[in-house]
Amino acid sequence: MLHTSTLKTLEPPTTNYINLPLLVGNFDSKESSLKNLLYDIKRCYTDKITAEPNIIGESSIFFSIQKHIDLLENYYIIDNYDEILMFLLTNDFLINILLEATQPIRKVFGESIKIHLNLHSDPEENYDELFIVIKNRFNPNKALKCMDELDLIWFDKIDNNTQGKLNIIEEPL
């Protein structure tokens, strides 16, 4: 039992949890998954983080990574968002590489391109790889030359940092 004198000495919480939605669910069941849980967290809290960034605090790894993933949406067309979100949460070292990639890509290919992110999975090998897909209107020879130049000025330098989890291809627009 708490005494009134004890309550007077307690500091008020620094976070206004009362306004945050409560996630309720049986997370031990076979039907629940980390993917569903993270999707629910993102759905419930993303607007709170954007509107009031100090509610959650910067110490949350998930929300920090989520903010960087949200930045990616400014530069990429994300084809299979939920799968890529899960992939980047487990391979967060790729986020800064992806943020830096658009500058050399646009330097080589120009501004009239579309840059997609697409996740390719090989269930037999239990392996996923994220692809930066540069969609352009170049003829095949010019596109190949641009890819060679991109490799030379950027990708060859960072390839070891990708741990084999990132690749770049070009496709006609």
N, C-alpha and C. Protein backbone atom coordinates (compact mmCIF):
# COMPACT_ATOMS: atom_id res chain seq x y z
N MET A 1 0.84 -1.18 0.00
CA MET A 1 0.00 0.00 0.00
C MET A 1 0.88 1.24 0.00
N LEU A 2 0.58 2.20 -0.87
CA LEU A 2 1.33 3.45 -0.93
C LEU A 2 0.76 4.44 0.05
N HIS A 3 1.66 5.16 0.66
CA HIS A 3 1.24 6.23 1.56
C HIS A 3 1.25 7.55 0.81
N THR A 4 0.41 8.48 1.26
CA THR A 4 0.32 9.78 0.61
C THR A 4 1.66 10.50 0.64
N SER A 5 2.41 10.36 1.71
CA SER A 5 3.70 11.04 1.79
C SER A 5 4.67 10.53 0.73
N THR A 6 4.59 9.25 0.37
CA THR A 6 5.44 8.69 -0.66
C THR A 6 5.08 9.27 -2.02
N LEU A 7 3.81 9.42 -2.30
CA LEU A 7 3.38 9.97 -3.57
C LEU A 7 3.85 11.40 -3.78
N LYS A 8 3.94 12.17 -2.71
CA LYS A 8 4.35 13.57 -2.83
C LYS A 8 5.81 13.68 -3.28
N THR A 9 6.63 12.70 -2.99
CA THR A 9 8.04 12.80 -3.34
C THR A 9 8.34 12.31 -4.75
N LEU A 10 7.39 11.69 -5.40
CA LEU A 10 7.61 11.18 -6.75
C LEU A 10 7.56 12.31 -7.77
N GLU A 11 8.46 12.23 -8.75
CA GLU A 11 8.48 13.20 -9.83
C GLU A 11 7.41 12.82 -10.85
N PRO A 12 6.79 13.80 -11.49
CA PRO A 12 5.82 13.47 -12.54
C PRO A 12 6.57 12.91 -13.76
N PRO A 13 5.92 12.04 -14.52
CA PRO A 13 6.59 11.48 -15.70
C PRO A 13 6.92 12.58 -16.70
N THR A 14 8.04 12.41 -17.40
CA THR A 14 8.45 13.41 -18.39
C THR A 14 7.75 13.19 -19.73
N THR A 15 7.18 12.02 -19.92
CA THR A 15 6.49 11.71 -21.17
C THR A 15 4.99 11.66 -20.91
N ASN A 16 4.23 12.23 -21.80
CA ASN A 16 2.78 12.25 -21.68
C ASN A 16 2.22 10.97 -22.28
N TYR A 17 2.32 9.87 -21.53
CA TYR A 17 1.89 8.56 -22.04
C TYR A 17 0.38 8.48 -22.19
N ILE A 18 -0.33 9.31 -21.50
CA ILE A 18 -1.78 9.25 -21.50
C ILE A 18 -2.35 9.45 -22.91
N ASN A 19 -1.66 10.24 -23.73
CA ASN A 19 -2.16 10.52 -25.07
C ASN A 19 -1.69 9.52 -26.12
N LEU A 20 -0.86 8.56 -25.74
CA LEU A 20 -0.37 7.57 -26.69
C LEU A 20 -1.28 6.35 -26.69
N PRO A 21 -1.55 5.77 -27.86
CA PRO A 21 -2.39 4.58 -27.91
C PRO A 21 -1.70 3.38 -27.25
N LEU A 22 -2.51 2.53 -26.69
CA LEU A 22 -1.99 1.33 -26.03
C LEU A 22 -2.11 0.16 -26.99
N LEU A 23 -1.01 -0.55 -27.18
CA LEU A 23 -1.04 -1.74 -28.02
C LEU A 23 -1.37 -2.94 -27.16
N VAL A 24 -2.43 -3.64 -27.53
CA VAL A 24 -2.85 -4.80 -26.76
C VAL A 24 -2.87 -6.00 -27.69
N GLY A 25 -2.33 -7.09 -27.23
CA GLY A 25 -2.36 -8.29 -28.06
C GLY A 25 -1.62 -9.42 -27.38
N ASN A 26 -1.85 -10.62 -27.86
CA ASN A 26 -1.16 -11.79 -27.34
C ASN A 26 0.08 -12.01 -28.19
N PHE A 27 1.20 -11.48 -27.75
CA PHE A 27 2.41 -11.53 -28.54
C PHE A 27 3.13 -12.86 -28.41
N ASP A 28 2.60 -13.77 -27.61
CA ASP A 28 3.19 -15.09 -27.49
C ASP A 28 2.53 -16.09 -28.45
N SER A 29 1.44 -15.69 -29.07
CA SER A 29 0.73 -16.64 -29.92
C SER A 29 1.51 -16.90 -31.21
N LYS A 30 1.22 -18.02 -31.85
CA LYS A 30 1.89 -18.37 -33.09
C LYS A 30 1.51 -17.43 -34.23
N GLU A 31 0.30 -16.84 -34.17
CA GLU A 31 -0.15 -15.96 -35.23
C GLU A 31 0.56 -14.61 -35.19
N SER A 32 0.99 -14.18 -34.01
CA SER A 32 1.65 -12.87 -33.94
C SER A 32 3.07 -12.99 -34.44
N SER A 33 3.57 -11.90 -34.98
CA SER A 33 4.93 -11.90 -35.47
C SER A 33 5.55 -10.55 -35.18
N LEU A 34 6.86 -10.52 -35.22
CA LEU A 34 7.56 -9.25 -35.03
C LEU A 34 7.14 -8.26 -36.10
N LYS A 35 6.94 -8.75 -37.31
CA LYS A 35 6.54 -7.88 -38.40
C LYS A 35 5.22 -7.18 -38.09
N ASN A 36 4.23 -7.93 -37.62
CA ASN A 36 2.94 -7.34 -37.29
C ASN A 36 3.06 -6.38 -36.12
N LEU A 37 3.85 -6.74 -35.14
CA LEU A 37 4.04 -5.87 -33.99
C LEU A 37 4.68 -4.55 -34.40
N LEU A 38 5.74 -4.62 -35.21
CA LEU A 38 6.41 -3.40 -35.65
C LEU A 38 5.51 -2.57 -36.54
N TYR A 39 4.72 -3.23 -37.37
CA TYR A 39 3.77 -2.49 -38.20
C TYR A 39 2.77 -1.74 -37.32
N ASP A 40 2.25 -2.41 -36.27
CA ASP A 40 1.31 -1.76 -35.37
C ASP A 40 1.96 -0.59 -34.63
N ILE A 41 3.20 -0.77 -34.21
CA ILE A 41 3.90 0.32 -33.53
C ILE A 41 4.05 1.50 -34.48
N LYS A 42 4.47 1.22 -35.70
CA LYS A 42 4.64 2.29 -36.67
C LYS A 42 3.31 3.00 -36.92
N ARG A 43 2.24 2.22 -37.13
CA ARG A 43 0.93 2.78 -37.43
C ARG A 43 0.43 3.65 -36.27
N CYS A 44 0.63 3.20 -35.05
CA CYS A 44 0.10 3.92 -33.89
C CYS A 44 0.94 5.13 -33.49
N TYR A 45 2.24 5.04 -33.65
CA TYR A 45 3.09 6.07 -33.08
C TYR A 45 3.75 7.00 -34.08
N THR A 46 3.77 6.69 -35.35
CA THR A 46 4.50 7.52 -36.31
C THR A 46 3.98 8.95 -36.30
N ASP A 47 2.66 9.14 -36.26
CA ASP A 47 2.15 10.51 -36.27
C ASP A 47 2.52 11.24 -34.99
N LYS A 48 2.64 10.54 -33.88
CA LYS A 48 3.05 11.18 -32.62
C LYS A 48 4.50 11.62 -32.69
N ILE A 49 5.34 10.79 -33.28
CA ILE A 49 6.76 11.12 -33.37
C ILE A 49 6.94 12.34 -34.27
N THR A 50 6.23 12.34 -35.40
CA THR A 50 6.36 13.44 -36.34
C THR A 50 5.81 14.73 -35.75
N ALA A 51 4.65 14.62 -35.10
CA ALA A 51 4.01 15.82 -34.57
C ALA A 51 4.71 16.34 -33.32
N GLU A 52 5.10 15.44 -32.45
CA GLU A 52 5.70 15.82 -31.19
C GLU A 52 6.92 14.93 -30.92
N PRO A 53 8.07 15.28 -31.49
CA PRO A 53 9.22 14.38 -31.42
C PRO A 53 9.73 14.11 -30.01
N ASN A 54 9.45 14.94 -29.06
CA ASN A 54 9.98 14.73 -27.71
C ASN A 54 9.11 13.81 -26.86
N ILE A 55 7.95 13.40 -27.36
CA ILE A 55 7.09 12.52 -26.57
C ILE A 55 7.78 11.19 -26.32
N ILE A 56 8.33 10.59 -27.34
CA ILE A 56 8.95 9.28 -27.18
C ILE A 56 10.38 9.42 -26.71
N GLY A 57 11.10 10.37 -27.21
CA GLY A 57 12.49 10.55 -26.82
C GLY A 57 13.41 9.94 -27.86
N GLU A 58 14.61 10.44 -27.94
CA GLU A 58 15.56 10.00 -28.96
C GLU A 58 16.27 8.72 -28.58
N SER A 59 16.04 8.19 -27.39
CA SER A 59 16.76 6.98 -26.98
C SER A 59 16.19 5.71 -27.58
N SER A 60 15.02 5.80 -28.21
CA SER A 60 14.41 4.63 -28.79
C SER A 60 15.10 4.27 -30.11
N ILE A 61 15.67 3.09 -30.17
CA ILE A 61 16.35 2.65 -31.38
C ILE A 61 15.36 2.50 -32.52
N PHE A 62 14.21 1.90 -32.24
CA PHE A 62 13.22 1.70 -33.29
C PHE A 62 12.80 3.02 -33.92
N PHE A 63 12.48 4.01 -33.07
CA PHE A 63 11.97 5.26 -33.60
C PHE A 63 13.06 6.05 -34.32
N SER A 64 14.29 5.94 -33.87
CA SER A 64 15.40 6.60 -34.56
C SER A 64 15.58 5.99 -35.95
N ILE A 65 15.57 4.68 -36.01
CA ILE A 65 15.68 4.00 -37.31
C ILE A 65 14.47 4.34 -38.17
N GLN A 66 13.30 4.37 -37.57
CA GLN A 66 12.09 4.68 -38.33
C GLN A 66 12.16 6.07 -38.95
N LYS A 67 12.71 7.04 -38.23
CA LYS A 67 12.84 8.39 -38.78
C LYS A 67 13.74 8.39 -40.01
N HIS A 68 14.83 7.62 -39.96
CA HIS A 68 15.73 7.54 -41.11
C HIS A 68 15.07 6.80 -42.27
N ILE A 69 14.30 5.77 -41.98
CA ILE A 69 13.58 5.06 -43.03
C ILE A 69 12.57 6.00 -43.68
N ASP A 70 11.91 6.81 -42.86
CA ASP A 70 10.96 7.78 -43.42
C ASP A 70 11.67 8.76 -44.36
N LEU A 71 12.92 9.12 -44.05
CA LEU A 71 13.70 9.99 -44.95
C LEU A 71 13.90 9.32 -46.31
N LEU A 72 14.08 8.02 -46.31
CA LEU A 72 14.29 7.31 -47.56
C LEU A 72 13.12 7.50 -48.53
N GLU A 73 11.93 7.67 -47.98
CA GLU A 73 10.76 7.85 -48.82
C GLU A 73 10.83 9.14 -49.63
N ASN A 74 11.68 10.08 -49.22
CA ASN A 74 11.87 11.32 -49.99
C ASN A 74 12.70 11.09 -51.24
N TYR A 75 13.49 10.02 -51.27
CA TYR A 75 14.43 9.79 -52.35
C TYR A 75 14.13 8.55 -53.21
N TYR A 76 13.38 7.63 -52.65
CA TYR A 76 13.14 6.35 -53.32
C TYR A 76 11.64 6.07 -53.44
N ILE A 77 11.29 5.31 -54.45
CA ILE A 77 9.97 4.70 -54.53
C ILE A 77 10.15 3.32 -53.91
N ILE A 78 9.47 3.09 -52.81
CA ILE A 78 9.66 1.84 -52.06
C ILE A 78 8.55 0.87 -52.46
N ASP A 79 8.93 -0.14 -53.23
CA ASP A 79 7.95 -1.03 -53.85
C ASP A 79 7.21 -1.93 -52.88
N ASN A 80 7.89 -2.54 -51.96
CA ASN A 80 7.26 -3.44 -50.99
C ASN A 80 7.63 -2.96 -49.58
N TYR A 81 6.94 -1.91 -49.17
CA TYR A 81 7.31 -1.13 -47.98
C TYR A 81 7.46 -1.98 -46.72
N ASP A 82 6.47 -2.78 -46.40
CA ASP A 82 6.51 -3.55 -45.14
C ASP A 82 7.71 -4.49 -45.08
N GLU A 83 7.97 -5.17 -46.18
CA GLU A 83 9.11 -6.09 -46.21
C GLU A 83 10.44 -5.33 -46.11
N ILE A 84 10.52 -4.19 -46.79
CA ILE A 84 11.75 -3.39 -46.74
C ILE A 84 11.93 -2.80 -45.35
N LEU A 85 10.85 -2.37 -44.72
CA LEU A 85 10.94 -1.86 -43.34
C LEU A 85 11.53 -2.92 -42.42
N MET A 86 11.02 -4.13 -42.49
CA MET A 86 11.53 -5.21 -41.64
C MET A 86 13.00 -5.50 -41.96
N PHE A 87 13.33 -5.52 -43.24
CA PHE A 87 14.70 -5.78 -43.67
C PHE A 87 15.65 -4.70 -43.13
N LEU A 88 15.25 -3.44 -43.23
CA LEU A 88 16.12 -2.36 -42.76
C LEU A 88 16.21 -2.29 -41.25
N LEU A 89 15.18 -2.74 -40.56
CA LEU A 89 15.26 -2.80 -39.10
C LEU A 89 16.31 -3.80 -38.65
N THR A 90 16.48 -4.87 -39.42
CA THR A 90 17.49 -5.87 -39.05
C THR A 90 18.83 -5.63 -39.73
N ASN A 91 18.87 -4.74 -40.71
CA ASN A 91 20.11 -4.40 -41.43
C ASN A 91 20.26 -2.88 -41.47
N ASP A 92 20.16 -2.26 -40.31
CA ASP A 92 20.12 -0.80 -40.24
C ASP A 92 21.40 -0.13 -40.72
N PHE A 93 22.49 -0.87 -40.85
CA PHE A 93 23.74 -0.31 -41.38
C PHE A 93 23.57 0.15 -42.83
N LEU A 94 22.53 -0.33 -43.51
CA LEU A 94 22.29 0.06 -44.90
C LEU A 94 21.62 1.43 -45.04
N ILE A 95 20.99 1.91 -43.99
CA ILE A 95 20.20 3.13 -44.10
C ILE A 95 21.06 4.31 -44.53
N ASN A 96 22.19 4.54 -43.90
CA ASN A 96 23.06 5.66 -44.29
C ASN A 96 23.61 5.48 -45.70
N ILE A 97 23.91 4.24 -46.07
CA ILE A 97 24.38 3.98 -47.43
C ILE A 97 23.30 4.36 -48.43
N LEU A 98 22.06 4.00 -48.13
CA LEU A 98 20.95 4.33 -49.03
C LEU A 98 20.74 5.84 -49.10
N LEU A 99 20.88 6.52 -47.97
CA LEU A 99 20.70 7.97 -47.98
C LEU A 99 21.80 8.65 -48.80
N GLU A 100 22.99 8.13 -48.75
CA GLU A 100 24.11 8.72 -49.50
C GLU A 100 24.07 8.33 -50.98
N ALA A 101 23.43 7.24 -51.32
CA ALA A 101 23.47 6.69 -52.69
C ALA A 101 22.83 7.59 -53.74
N THR A 102 21.80 8.31 -53.37
CA THR A 102 21.07 9.06 -54.39
C THR A 102 21.91 10.15 -55.04
N GLN A 103 22.85 10.72 -54.30
CA GLN A 103 23.68 11.78 -54.88
C GLN A 103 24.55 11.26 -56.02
N PRO A 104 25.37 10.21 -55.82
CA PRO A 104 26.15 9.73 -56.96
C PRO A 104 25.29 9.13 -58.07
N ILE A 105 24.16 8.54 -57.72
CA ILE A 105 23.28 7.99 -58.76
C ILE A 105 22.78 9.10 -59.66
N ARG A 106 22.31 10.19 -59.06
CA ARG A 106 21.79 11.31 -59.85
C ARG A 106 22.92 12.05 -60.59
N LYS A 107 24.10 12.05 -60.02
CA LYS A 107 25.25 12.67 -60.69
C LYS A 107 25.56 11.93 -62.00
N VAL A 108 25.48 10.62 -61.95
CA VAL A 108 25.82 9.80 -63.13
C VAL A 108 24.64 9.69 -64.10
N PHE A 109 23.45 9.41 -63.58
CA PHE A 109 22.30 9.15 -64.44
C PHE A 109 21.47 10.39 -64.75
N GLY A 110 21.66 11.47 -64.00
CA GLY A 110 20.87 12.67 -64.21
C GLY A 110 19.60 12.67 -63.36
N GLU A 111 18.80 13.68 -63.57
CA GLU A 111 17.60 13.87 -62.75
C GLU A 111 16.35 13.19 -63.32
N SER A 112 16.37 12.77 -64.57
CA SER A 112 15.17 12.22 -65.21
C SER A 112 15.04 10.71 -64.98
N ILE A 113 15.38 10.27 -63.80
CA ILE A 113 15.29 8.85 -63.46
C ILE A 113 14.34 8.67 -62.29
N LYS A 114 13.95 7.45 -62.07
CA LYS A 114 13.19 7.07 -60.87
C LYS A 114 14.02 6.01 -60.16
N ILE A 115 14.15 6.18 -58.85
CA ILE A 115 14.96 5.24 -58.08
C ILE A 115 14.04 4.46 -57.15
N HIS A 116 14.03 3.17 -57.33
CA HIS A 116 13.17 2.28 -56.53
C HIS A 116 14.03 1.48 -55.55
N LEU A 117 13.41 1.06 -54.47
CA LEU A 117 13.98 0.04 -53.58
C LEU A 117 13.10 -1.18 -53.70
N ASN A 118 13.74 -2.32 -53.87
CA ASN A 118 12.99 -3.56 -53.99
C ASN A 118 13.74 -4.66 -53.27
N LEU A 119 13.03 -5.47 -52.54
CA LEU A 119 13.63 -6.55 -51.78
C LEU A 119 13.45 -7.86 -52.53
N HIS A 120 14.56 -8.55 -52.75
CA HIS A 120 14.53 -9.86 -53.40
C HIS A 120 14.84 -10.91 -52.33
N SER A 121 14.02 -11.92 -52.26
CA SER A 121 14.19 -12.97 -51.25
C SER A 121 14.42 -14.31 -51.92
N ASP A 122 15.27 -15.09 -51.31
CA ASP A 122 15.50 -16.46 -51.74
C ASP A 122 15.19 -17.36 -50.54
N PRO A 123 13.95 -17.87 -50.45
CA PRO A 123 13.56 -18.66 -49.29
C PRO A 123 14.37 -19.95 -49.14
N GLU A 124 14.80 -20.53 -50.26
CA GLU A 124 15.59 -21.76 -50.18
C GLU A 124 16.93 -21.52 -49.50
N GLU A 125 17.52 -20.37 -49.76
CA GLU A 125 18.81 -20.02 -49.17
C GLU A 125 18.65 -19.20 -47.88
N ASN A 126 17.39 -18.84 -47.55
CA ASN A 126 17.11 -18.00 -46.39
C ASN A 126 17.93 -16.72 -46.46
N TYR A 127 17.83 -16.05 -47.63
CA TYR A 127 18.67 -14.88 -47.87
C TYR A 127 17.84 -13.79 -48.54
N ASP A 128 18.00 -12.57 -48.05
CA ASP A 128 17.34 -11.41 -48.63
C ASP A 128 18.40 -10.42 -49.08
N GLU A 129 18.11 -9.72 -50.18
CA GLU A 129 19.01 -8.69 -50.67
C GLU A 129 18.18 -7.51 -51.16
N LEU A 130 18.57 -6.33 -50.76
CA LEU A 130 17.89 -5.12 -51.17
C LEU A 130 18.51 -4.61 -52.46
N PHE A 131 17.65 -4.22 -53.41
CA PHE A 131 18.13 -3.70 -54.68
C PHE A 131 17.72 -2.25 -54.84
N ILE A 132 18.70 -1.42 -55.22
CA ILE A 132 18.41 -0.09 -55.72
C ILE A 132 18.20 -0.27 -57.21
N VAL A 133 17.01 0.07 -57.68
CA VAL A 133 16.67 -0.10 -59.09
C VAL A 133 16.57 1.29 -59.71
N ILE A 134 17.48 1.56 -60.64
CA ILE A 134 17.52 2.86 -61.31
C ILE A 134 16.76 2.72 -62.62
N LYS A 135 15.59 3.33 -62.69
CA LYS A 135 14.76 3.25 -63.90
C LYS A 135 15.05 4.48 -64.75
N ASN A 136 15.42 4.24 -66.02
CA ASN A 136 15.86 5.32 -66.89
C ASN A 136 15.39 5.09 -68.31
N ARG A 137 15.57 6.12 -69.15
CA ARG A 137 15.15 6.06 -70.55
C ARG A 137 16.35 5.94 -71.50
N PHE A 138 17.49 5.53 -71.00
CA PHE A 138 18.69 5.43 -71.82
C PHE A 138 18.66 4.18 -72.69
N ASN A 139 19.40 4.25 -73.79
CA ASN A 139 19.56 3.04 -74.57
C ASN A 139 20.46 2.09 -73.77
N PRO A 140 20.44 0.80 -74.06
CA PRO A 140 21.19 -0.17 -73.25
C PRO A 140 22.68 0.13 -73.11
N ASN A 141 23.32 0.61 -74.20
CA ASN A 141 24.75 0.90 -74.12
C ASN A 141 25.04 2.05 -73.15
N LYS A 142 24.25 3.13 -73.25
CA LYS A 142 24.46 4.27 -72.35
C LYS A 142 24.16 3.86 -70.90
N ALA A 143 23.12 3.08 -70.67
CA ALA A 143 22.78 2.64 -69.31
C ALA A 143 23.92 1.81 -68.73
N LEU A 144 24.50 0.94 -69.54
CA LEU A 144 25.62 0.12 -69.08
C LEU A 144 26.84 0.98 -68.73
N LYS A 145 27.11 1.99 -69.56
CA LYS A 145 28.22 2.91 -69.28
C LYS A 145 27.98 3.67 -67.98
N CYS A 146 26.76 4.08 -67.75
CA CYS A 146 26.42 4.78 -66.50
C CYS A 146 26.61 3.87 -65.30
N MET A 147 26.20 2.61 -65.43
CA MET A 147 26.39 1.67 -64.32
C MET A 147 27.87 1.46 -64.04
N ASP A 148 28.68 1.34 -65.10
CA ASP A 148 30.13 1.20 -64.91
C ASP A 148 30.71 2.42 -64.19
N GLU A 149 30.26 3.60 -64.59
CA GLU A 149 30.75 4.83 -63.95
C GLU A 149 30.32 4.90 -62.49
N LEU A 150 29.08 4.52 -62.21
CA LEU A 150 28.59 4.51 -60.83
C LEU A 150 29.40 3.55 -59.97
N ASP A 151 29.70 2.38 -60.52
CA ASP A 151 30.55 1.43 -59.80
C ASP A 151 31.91 2.05 -59.49
N LEU A 152 32.48 2.71 -60.47
CA LEU A 152 33.81 3.29 -60.33
C LEU A 152 33.85 4.43 -59.30
N ILE A 153 32.88 5.33 -59.36
CA ILE A 153 32.95 6.50 -58.48
C ILE A 153 32.33 6.27 -57.10
N TRP A 154 31.50 5.23 -56.96
CA TRP A 154 30.83 5.09 -55.66
C TRP A 154 30.71 3.65 -55.17
N PHE A 155 30.02 2.79 -55.91
CA PHE A 155 29.65 1.50 -55.34
C PHE A 155 30.84 0.62 -55.00
N ASP A 156 31.87 0.61 -55.83
CA ASP A 156 33.06 -0.20 -55.52
C ASP A 156 33.69 0.21 -54.19
N LYS A 157 33.55 1.49 -53.83
CA LYS A 157 34.15 2.00 -52.59
C LYS A 157 33.37 1.59 -51.35
N ILE A 158 32.07 1.37 -51.49
CA ILE A 158 31.24 1.06 -50.32
C ILE A 158 30.76 -0.39 -50.31
N ASP A 159 31.07 -1.14 -51.35
CA ASP A 159 30.56 -2.51 -51.50
C ASP A 159 30.83 -3.37 -50.27
N ASN A 160 32.00 -3.30 -49.67
CA ASN A 160 32.30 -4.11 -48.48
C ASN A 160 31.42 -3.74 -47.30
N ASN A 161 30.97 -2.49 -47.23
CA ASN A 161 30.12 -2.05 -46.13
C ASN A 161 28.69 -2.58 -46.23
N THR A 162 28.32 -3.08 -47.39
CA THR A 162 26.95 -3.56 -47.58
C THR A 162 26.75 -4.99 -47.08
N GLN A 163 27.82 -5.67 -46.77
CA GLN A 163 27.77 -7.05 -46.28
C GLN A 163 26.98 -7.97 -47.20
N GLY A 164 27.01 -7.67 -48.49
CA GLY A 164 26.30 -8.49 -49.47
C GLY A 164 24.79 -8.35 -49.42
N LYS A 165 24.30 -7.32 -48.74
CA LYS A 165 22.85 -7.14 -48.57
C LYS A 165 22.26 -6.08 -49.50
N LEU A 166 23.11 -5.44 -50.33
CA LEU A 166 22.64 -4.36 -51.20
C LEU A 166 23.27 -4.52 -52.58
N ASN A 167 22.46 -4.29 -53.60
CA ASN A 167 22.95 -4.33 -54.96
C ASN A 167 22.25 -3.23 -55.75
N ILE A 168 22.82 -2.87 -56.88
CA ILE A 168 22.25 -1.82 -57.72
C ILE A 168 22.09 -2.37 -59.13
N ILE A 169 20.91 -2.14 -59.70
CA ILE A 169 20.67 -2.52 -61.09
C ILE A 169 19.97 -1.35 -61.78
N GLU A 170 19.97 -1.39 -63.10
CA GLU A 170 19.22 -0.40 -63.87
C GLU A 170 18.22 -1.15 -64.72
N GLU A 171 17.12 -0.45 -64.99
CA GLU A 171 16.06 -1.01 -65.83
C GLU A 171 15.49 0.11 -66.69
N PRO A 172 14.96 -0.25 -67.84
CA PRO A 172 14.30 0.79 -68.66
C PRO A 172 13.05 1.31 -67.96
N LEU A 173 12.81 2.58 -68.15
CA LEU A 173 11.63 3.23 -67.55
C LEU A 173 10.40 3.01 -68.41
